[in-house]
Amino acid sequence: MKEEAASQVPFQEEPDDSITGAEAAGRLERNNLLLVVLGTAAFGFSGELGLVLGFLAGGLLTVANLRLFRLIVTGLTGLKPVKKSRLIAQVLLKFFGVMGVLAFLMLVVKPPPLPFLLGLSTVVVAVVIEGIMGLMRSE
């Protein structure tokens, strides 16, 4: 049995041609921002400023959320030296900040619901696009 284990091929690492997480996160942010710009332009053709601003508000909220999330993750992964207490404070501030902006938009500004939700969902489409592009790059 020991001879069988010795004769097996050891684990071989895949070539390091893959992209880093920071590059993927940067592309995800770029795709999301591009979708927000394109969606805002598309709603601009409707001629109603409320629809445009509703989509833009939801989209910009996701852009800001992604950017803050990436900054926090770089601290968690050790790519940038950060104290743990500062990291915890950043996570809490991000959460309550995004929730506060969302509450303000929903309770005070009251954007049209459908364009606002479409603006918020641009991040989902950006993730799908990045996943498809990643599959195409790996082939």
N, C-alpha and C. Protein backbone atom coordinates (compact mmCIF):
# COMPACT_ATOMS: atom_id res chain seq x y z
N MET A 1 0.80 -1.19 0.00
CA MET A 1 0.00 0.00 0.00
C MET A 1 0.85 1.25 0.00
N LYS A 2 1.95 1.23 0.72
CA LYS A 2 2.81 2.39 0.75
C LYS A 2 3.40 2.65 -0.62
N GLU A 3 3.64 1.60 -1.39
CA GLU A 3 4.19 1.77 -2.73
C GLU A 3 3.18 2.43 -3.66
N GLU A 4 1.88 2.09 -3.47
CA GLU A 4 0.84 2.70 -4.30
C GLU A 4 0.77 4.21 -4.05
N ALA A 5 0.84 4.60 -2.80
CA ALA A 5 0.77 6.02 -2.47
C ALA A 5 1.97 6.76 -3.02
N ALA A 6 3.11 6.12 -3.00
CA ALA A 6 4.31 6.77 -3.50
C ALA A 6 4.30 6.88 -5.02
N SER A 7 3.62 5.97 -5.68
CA SER A 7 3.60 5.99 -7.14
C SER A 7 2.58 6.96 -7.71
N GLN A 8 1.69 7.46 -6.87
CA GLN A 8 0.69 8.40 -7.36
C GLN A 8 1.34 9.74 -7.66
N VAL A 9 0.80 10.42 -8.63
CA VAL A 9 1.32 11.73 -9.02
C VAL A 9 0.95 12.73 -7.95
N PRO A 10 1.92 13.49 -7.45
CA PRO A 10 1.60 14.49 -6.42
C PRO A 10 0.74 15.60 -7.03
N PHE A 11 0.08 16.33 -6.12
CA PHE A 11 -0.78 17.43 -6.54
C PHE A 11 0.03 18.46 -7.32
N GLN A 12 -0.45 18.78 -8.49
CA GLN A 12 0.24 19.78 -9.31
C GLN A 12 -0.59 21.05 -9.30
N GLU A 13 0.10 22.15 -9.05
CA GLU A 13 -0.59 23.43 -9.02
C GLU A 13 -0.90 23.88 -10.44
N GLU A 14 -2.04 24.56 -10.55
CA GLU A 14 -2.41 25.11 -11.85
C GLU A 14 -1.51 26.29 -12.16
N PRO A 15 -1.29 26.58 -13.43
CA PRO A 15 -0.48 27.76 -13.76
C PRO A 15 -1.11 29.02 -13.19
N ASP A 16 -0.26 29.95 -12.80
CA ASP A 16 -0.75 31.16 -12.17
C ASP A 16 -1.09 32.22 -13.21
N ASP A 17 -2.05 31.91 -14.07
CA ASP A 17 -2.51 32.89 -15.05
C ASP A 17 -3.86 33.46 -14.66
N SER A 18 -4.33 33.10 -13.48
CA SER A 18 -5.62 33.61 -13.04
C SER A 18 -5.46 35.04 -12.53
N ILE A 19 -6.58 35.71 -12.43
CA ILE A 19 -6.55 37.10 -11.99
C ILE A 19 -6.64 37.14 -10.47
N THR A 20 -6.21 38.22 -9.89
CA THR A 20 -6.30 38.37 -8.45
C THR A 20 -7.69 38.84 -8.06
N GLY A 21 -8.00 38.70 -6.78
CA GLY A 21 -9.29 39.14 -6.29
C GLY A 21 -9.47 40.64 -6.43
N ALA A 22 -8.37 41.38 -6.25
CA ALA A 22 -8.46 42.84 -6.38
C ALA A 22 -8.80 43.25 -7.81
N GLU A 23 -8.23 42.54 -8.78
CA GLU A 23 -8.54 42.85 -10.18
C GLU A 23 -10.00 42.53 -10.49
N ALA A 24 -10.47 41.39 -9.99
CA ALA A 24 -11.87 41.00 -10.22
C ALA A 24 -12.82 41.99 -9.56
N ALA A 25 -12.49 42.42 -8.35
CA ALA A 25 -13.34 43.40 -7.65
C ALA A 25 -13.35 44.73 -8.39
N GLY A 26 -12.20 45.12 -8.93
CA GLY A 26 -12.13 46.36 -9.71
C GLY A 26 -12.98 46.27 -10.96
N ARG A 27 -12.93 45.12 -11.62
CA ARG A 27 -13.77 44.94 -12.82
C ARG A 27 -15.25 44.90 -12.46
N LEU A 28 -15.57 44.31 -11.31
CA LEU A 28 -16.96 44.27 -10.87
C LEU A 28 -17.47 45.68 -10.60
N GLU A 29 -16.66 46.50 -9.94
CA GLU A 29 -17.04 47.90 -9.71
C GLU A 29 -17.22 48.64 -11.03
N ARG A 30 -16.30 48.42 -11.96
CA ARG A 30 -16.38 49.10 -13.26
C ARG A 30 -17.64 48.66 -14.01
N ASN A 31 -17.94 47.36 -14.02
CA ASN A 31 -19.14 46.87 -14.70
C ASN A 31 -20.40 47.45 -14.07
N ASN A 32 -20.42 47.52 -12.74
CA ASN A 32 -21.59 48.06 -12.06
C ASN A 32 -21.78 49.53 -12.40
N LEU A 33 -20.69 50.29 -12.38
CA LEU A 33 -20.80 51.71 -12.72
C LEU A 33 -21.25 51.90 -14.17
N LEU A 34 -20.72 51.07 -15.05
CA LEU A 34 -21.13 51.13 -16.46
C LEU A 34 -22.62 50.83 -16.62
N LEU A 35 -23.11 49.83 -15.89
CA LEU A 35 -24.54 49.51 -15.95
C LEU A 35 -25.40 50.65 -15.40
N VAL A 36 -24.92 51.32 -14.36
CA VAL A 36 -25.66 52.46 -13.81
C VAL A 36 -25.72 53.59 -14.83
N VAL A 37 -24.61 53.86 -15.49
CA VAL A 37 -24.58 54.92 -16.50
C VAL A 37 -25.51 54.57 -17.67
N LEU A 38 -25.42 53.32 -18.16
CA LEU A 38 -26.27 52.90 -19.27
C LEU A 38 -27.75 52.90 -18.90
N GLY A 39 -28.05 52.43 -17.69
CA GLY A 39 -29.44 52.43 -17.23
C GLY A 39 -29.99 53.83 -17.05
N THR A 40 -29.16 54.73 -16.54
CA THR A 40 -29.59 56.12 -16.39
C THR A 40 -29.87 56.74 -17.75
N ALA A 41 -29.01 56.45 -18.72
CA ALA A 41 -29.25 56.95 -20.07
C ALA A 41 -30.52 56.37 -20.67
N ALA A 42 -30.75 55.08 -20.42
CA ALA A 42 -31.96 54.44 -20.95
C ALA A 42 -33.21 55.05 -20.33
N PHE A 43 -33.18 55.29 -19.01
CA PHE A 43 -34.33 55.93 -18.37
C PHE A 43 -34.45 57.39 -18.79
N GLY A 44 -33.35 57.98 -19.25
CA GLY A 44 -33.39 59.35 -19.74
C GLY A 44 -34.29 59.50 -20.96
N PHE A 45 -34.40 58.43 -21.74
CA PHE A 45 -35.27 58.47 -22.92
C PHE A 45 -36.75 58.47 -22.55
N SER A 46 -37.07 58.14 -21.31
CA SER A 46 -38.47 58.15 -20.89
C SER A 46 -38.99 59.57 -20.75
N GLY A 47 -38.09 60.51 -20.52
CA GLY A 47 -38.50 61.89 -20.42
C GLY A 47 -38.98 62.28 -19.03
N GLU A 48 -38.99 61.36 -18.09
CA GLU A 48 -39.43 61.67 -16.73
C GLU A 48 -38.21 61.72 -15.81
N LEU A 49 -38.00 62.85 -15.22
CA LEU A 49 -36.84 63.05 -14.36
C LEU A 49 -36.90 62.16 -13.11
N GLY A 50 -38.09 61.90 -12.60
CA GLY A 50 -38.24 61.05 -11.42
C GLY A 50 -37.74 59.64 -11.64
N LEU A 51 -38.01 59.10 -12.84
CA LEU A 51 -37.54 57.74 -13.16
C LEU A 51 -36.02 57.71 -13.25
N VAL A 52 -35.46 58.73 -13.88
CA VAL A 52 -34.01 58.80 -14.03
C VAL A 52 -33.35 58.91 -12.66
N LEU A 53 -33.85 59.79 -11.82
CA LEU A 53 -33.25 59.98 -10.50
C LEU A 53 -33.45 58.77 -9.60
N GLY A 54 -34.58 58.07 -9.74
CA GLY A 54 -34.81 56.87 -8.96
C GLY A 54 -33.81 55.78 -9.31
N PHE A 55 -33.60 55.56 -10.61
CA PHE A 55 -32.62 54.56 -11.03
C PHE A 55 -31.22 54.98 -10.60
N LEU A 56 -30.90 56.25 -10.77
CA LEU A 56 -29.58 56.75 -10.42
C LEU A 56 -29.32 56.63 -8.91
N ALA A 57 -30.32 56.89 -8.10
CA ALA A 57 -30.15 56.78 -6.65
C ALA A 57 -29.87 55.32 -6.25
N GLY A 58 -30.63 54.38 -6.78
CA GLY A 58 -30.40 52.97 -6.47
C GLY A 58 -29.07 52.49 -6.99
N GLY A 59 -28.71 52.91 -8.19
CA GLY A 59 -27.45 52.48 -8.78
C GLY A 59 -26.25 53.04 -8.05
N LEU A 60 -26.30 54.32 -7.69
CA LEU A 60 -25.17 54.92 -6.98
C LEU A 60 -25.02 54.35 -5.57
N LEU A 61 -26.13 53.93 -4.98
CA LEU A 61 -26.04 53.28 -3.67
C LEU A 61 -25.28 51.96 -3.79
N THR A 62 -25.52 51.20 -4.86
CA THR A 62 -24.78 49.95 -5.04
C THR A 62 -23.31 50.21 -5.37
N VAL A 63 -23.03 51.26 -6.13
CA VAL A 63 -21.65 51.59 -6.46
C VAL A 63 -20.88 51.94 -5.18
N ALA A 64 -21.48 52.76 -4.34
CA ALA A 64 -20.82 53.14 -3.09
C ALA A 64 -20.67 51.93 -2.16
N ASN A 65 -21.67 51.08 -2.11
CA ASN A 65 -21.62 49.90 -1.26
C ASN A 65 -20.50 48.95 -1.72
N LEU A 66 -20.38 48.74 -3.02
CA LEU A 66 -19.31 47.88 -3.54
C LEU A 66 -17.94 48.45 -3.22
N ARG A 67 -17.79 49.75 -3.39
CA ARG A 67 -16.50 50.39 -3.14
C ARG A 67 -16.10 50.26 -1.67
N LEU A 68 -17.04 50.52 -0.77
CA LEU A 68 -16.76 50.39 0.65
C LEU A 68 -16.48 48.93 1.04
N PHE A 69 -17.22 48.02 0.43
CA PHE A 69 -17.02 46.59 0.71
C PHE A 69 -15.62 46.16 0.28
N ARG A 70 -15.17 46.63 -0.87
CA ARG A 70 -13.83 46.27 -1.34
C ARG A 70 -12.76 46.81 -0.41
N LEU A 71 -12.93 48.02 0.09
CA LEU A 71 -11.96 48.57 1.03
C LEU A 71 -11.89 47.75 2.32
N ILE A 72 -13.04 47.29 2.79
CA ILE A 72 -13.08 46.48 4.00
C ILE A 72 -12.44 45.12 3.76
N VAL A 73 -12.73 44.51 2.61
CA VAL A 73 -12.17 43.19 2.32
C VAL A 73 -10.66 43.24 2.18
N THR A 74 -10.11 44.31 1.62
CA THR A 74 -8.66 44.41 1.53
C THR A 74 -8.03 44.47 2.92
N GLY A 75 -8.74 45.05 3.87
CA GLY A 75 -8.26 45.05 5.24
C GLY A 75 -8.37 43.68 5.89
N LEU A 76 -9.43 42.95 5.58
CA LEU A 76 -9.62 41.61 6.14
C LEU A 76 -8.60 40.62 5.60
N THR A 77 -8.26 40.73 4.34
CA THR A 77 -7.35 39.77 3.73
C THR A 77 -5.90 40.08 4.00
N GLY A 78 -5.64 41.19 4.62
CA GLY A 78 -4.26 41.52 4.96
C GLY A 78 -3.50 42.19 3.83
N LEU A 79 -4.17 42.56 2.76
CA LEU A 79 -3.50 43.25 1.67
C LEU A 79 -3.09 44.66 2.08
N LYS A 80 -3.79 45.17 3.06
CA LYS A 80 -3.48 46.49 3.59
C LYS A 80 -3.52 46.37 5.11
N PRO A 81 -2.43 46.71 5.80
CA PRO A 81 -2.42 46.54 7.26
C PRO A 81 -3.42 47.48 7.94
N VAL A 82 -4.34 46.88 8.70
CA VAL A 82 -5.38 47.64 9.39
C VAL A 82 -5.57 47.01 10.77
N LYS A 83 -5.77 47.84 11.78
CA LYS A 83 -6.05 47.32 13.12
C LYS A 83 -7.44 46.70 13.14
N LYS A 84 -7.59 45.64 13.93
CA LYS A 84 -8.87 44.93 14.00
C LYS A 84 -9.99 45.84 14.50
N SER A 85 -9.70 46.68 15.47
CA SER A 85 -10.75 47.55 16.01
C SER A 85 -11.21 48.55 14.94
N ARG A 86 -10.27 49.03 14.15
CA ARG A 86 -10.64 49.95 13.07
C ARG A 86 -11.47 49.23 12.01
N LEU A 87 -11.13 47.98 11.73
CA LEU A 87 -11.86 47.20 10.74
C LEU A 87 -13.30 46.96 11.20
N ILE A 88 -13.47 46.63 12.47
CA ILE A 88 -14.82 46.43 13.02
C ILE A 88 -15.62 47.73 12.93
N ALA A 89 -14.98 48.84 13.24
CA ALA A 89 -15.66 50.14 13.15
C ALA A 89 -16.06 50.43 11.70
N GLN A 90 -15.18 50.09 10.74
CA GLN A 90 -15.50 50.32 9.33
C GLN A 90 -16.70 49.49 8.90
N VAL A 91 -16.75 48.23 9.33
CA VAL A 91 -17.87 47.36 8.96
C VAL A 91 -19.18 47.93 9.52
N LEU A 92 -19.16 48.33 10.78
CA LEU A 92 -20.37 48.88 11.39
C LEU A 92 -20.78 50.20 10.74
N LEU A 93 -19.81 51.07 10.48
CA LEU A 93 -20.12 52.34 9.83
C LEU A 93 -20.68 52.12 8.43
N LYS A 94 -20.11 51.19 7.70
CA LYS A 94 -20.61 50.89 6.35
C LYS A 94 -22.05 50.40 6.42
N PHE A 95 -22.30 49.46 7.31
CA PHE A 95 -23.65 48.90 7.42
C PHE A 95 -24.67 49.98 7.78
N PHE A 96 -24.39 50.70 8.87
CA PHE A 96 -25.35 51.72 9.30
C PHE A 96 -25.41 52.89 8.33
N GLY A 97 -24.31 53.20 7.67
CA GLY A 97 -24.32 54.27 6.68
C GLY A 97 -25.18 53.92 5.47
N VAL A 98 -24.99 52.73 4.94
CA VAL A 98 -25.79 52.31 3.78
C VAL A 98 -27.26 52.19 4.17
N MET A 99 -27.53 51.61 5.34
CA MET A 99 -28.93 51.50 5.79
C MET A 99 -29.54 52.87 6.04
N GLY A 100 -28.76 53.80 6.56
CA GLY A 100 -29.25 55.16 6.78
C GLY A 100 -29.59 55.87 5.48
N VAL A 101 -28.72 55.73 4.50
CA VAL A 101 -28.98 56.34 3.19
C VAL A 101 -30.21 55.70 2.56
N LEU A 102 -30.31 54.38 2.66
CA LEU A 102 -31.47 53.68 2.11
C LEU A 102 -32.76 54.13 2.80
N ALA A 103 -32.74 54.24 4.13
CA ALA A 103 -33.92 54.70 4.86
C ALA A 103 -34.28 56.13 4.47
N PHE A 104 -33.26 56.99 4.36
CA PHE A 104 -33.52 58.37 3.96
C PHE A 104 -34.17 58.43 2.58
N LEU A 105 -33.62 57.65 1.65
CA LEU A 105 -34.19 57.64 0.30
C LEU A 105 -35.63 57.14 0.30
N MET A 106 -35.88 56.07 1.03
CA MET A 106 -37.22 55.48 1.00
C MET A 106 -38.26 56.32 1.75
N LEU A 107 -37.85 56.94 2.86
CA LEU A 107 -38.82 57.66 3.70
C LEU A 107 -38.96 59.13 3.35
N VAL A 108 -37.88 59.75 2.90
CA VAL A 108 -37.92 61.19 2.65
C VAL A 108 -38.02 61.50 1.15
N VAL A 109 -37.09 60.94 0.38
CA VAL A 109 -37.05 61.26 -1.05
C VAL A 109 -38.17 60.53 -1.81
N LYS A 110 -38.45 59.31 -1.42
CA LYS A 110 -39.51 58.46 -2.02
C LYS A 110 -39.37 58.35 -3.54
N PRO A 111 -38.29 57.69 -4.00
CA PRO A 111 -38.14 57.51 -5.45
C PRO A 111 -39.17 56.52 -5.99
N PRO A 112 -39.42 56.55 -7.29
CA PRO A 112 -40.34 55.56 -7.87
C PRO A 112 -39.77 54.15 -7.61
N PRO A 113 -40.60 53.23 -7.12
CA PRO A 113 -40.09 51.94 -6.67
C PRO A 113 -39.41 51.10 -7.76
N LEU A 114 -40.00 50.99 -8.92
CA LEU A 114 -39.44 50.11 -9.94
C LEU A 114 -38.07 50.58 -10.44
N PRO A 115 -37.90 51.84 -10.84
CA PRO A 115 -36.55 52.26 -11.24
C PRO A 115 -35.53 52.17 -10.11
N PHE A 116 -35.96 52.45 -8.87
CA PHE A 116 -35.06 52.36 -7.74
C PHE A 116 -34.59 50.92 -7.54
N LEU A 117 -35.51 49.98 -7.58
CA LEU A 117 -35.13 48.56 -7.44
C LEU A 117 -34.28 48.09 -8.60
N LEU A 118 -34.57 48.58 -9.80
CA LEU A 118 -33.71 48.23 -10.94
C LEU A 118 -32.31 48.78 -10.76
N GLY A 119 -32.20 49.99 -10.21
CA GLY A 119 -30.89 50.56 -9.93
C GLY A 119 -30.14 49.74 -8.88
N LEU A 120 -30.85 49.29 -7.85
CA LEU A 120 -30.23 48.45 -6.83
C LEU A 120 -29.78 47.10 -7.39
N SER A 121 -30.49 46.61 -8.39
CA SER A 121 -30.18 45.27 -8.91
C SER A 121 -29.07 45.29 -9.95
N THR A 122 -28.49 46.45 -10.24
CA THR A 122 -27.38 46.46 -11.21
C THR A 122 -26.20 45.66 -10.70
N VAL A 123 -26.04 45.55 -9.40
CA VAL A 123 -24.93 44.78 -8.85
C VAL A 123 -25.10 43.29 -9.19
N VAL A 124 -26.31 42.80 -9.22
CA VAL A 124 -26.55 41.39 -9.57
C VAL A 124 -26.15 41.14 -11.03
N VAL A 125 -26.55 42.05 -11.91
CA VAL A 125 -26.20 41.91 -13.32
C VAL A 125 -24.69 42.03 -13.51
N ALA A 126 -24.05 42.92 -12.75
CA ALA A 126 -22.59 43.07 -12.85
C ALA A 126 -21.87 41.81 -12.39
N VAL A 127 -22.37 41.15 -11.36
CA VAL A 127 -21.78 39.89 -10.90
C VAL A 127 -21.94 38.81 -11.96
N VAL A 128 -23.11 38.73 -12.58
CA VAL A 128 -23.33 37.74 -13.64
C VAL A 128 -22.40 37.99 -14.82
N ILE A 129 -22.26 39.24 -15.21
CA ILE A 129 -21.37 39.59 -16.33
C ILE A 129 -19.93 39.21 -15.98
N GLU A 130 -19.48 39.52 -14.78
CA GLU A 130 -18.11 39.18 -14.38
C GLU A 130 -17.91 37.68 -14.33
N GLY A 131 -18.93 36.93 -13.90
CA GLY A 131 -18.83 35.46 -13.90
C GLY A 131 -18.72 34.90 -15.30
N ILE A 132 -19.51 35.41 -16.22
CA ILE A 132 -19.44 34.95 -17.60
C ILE A 132 -18.10 35.31 -18.22
N MET A 133 -17.62 36.53 -17.96
CA MET A 133 -16.32 36.93 -18.51
C MET A 133 -15.19 36.09 -17.92
N GLY A 134 -15.31 35.74 -16.64
CA GLY A 134 -14.31 34.88 -16.02
C GLY A 134 -14.28 33.50 -16.64
N LEU A 135 -15.46 32.96 -16.96
CA LEU A 135 -15.52 31.66 -17.62
C LEU A 135 -14.91 31.73 -19.02
N MET A 136 -15.19 32.82 -19.72
CA MET A 136 -14.63 32.96 -21.06
C MET A 136 -13.12 33.12 -21.02
N ARG A 137 -12.59 33.79 -20.00
CA ARG A 137 -11.14 33.95 -19.88
C ARG A 137 -10.44 32.65 -19.53
N SER A 138 -11.11 31.78 -18.77
CA SER A 138 -10.47 30.55 -18.32
C SER A 138 -10.38 29.50 -19.43
N GLU A 139 -11.13 29.67 -20.48
CA GLU A 139 -11.11 28.68 -21.57
C GLU A 139 -10.00 28.93 -22.55
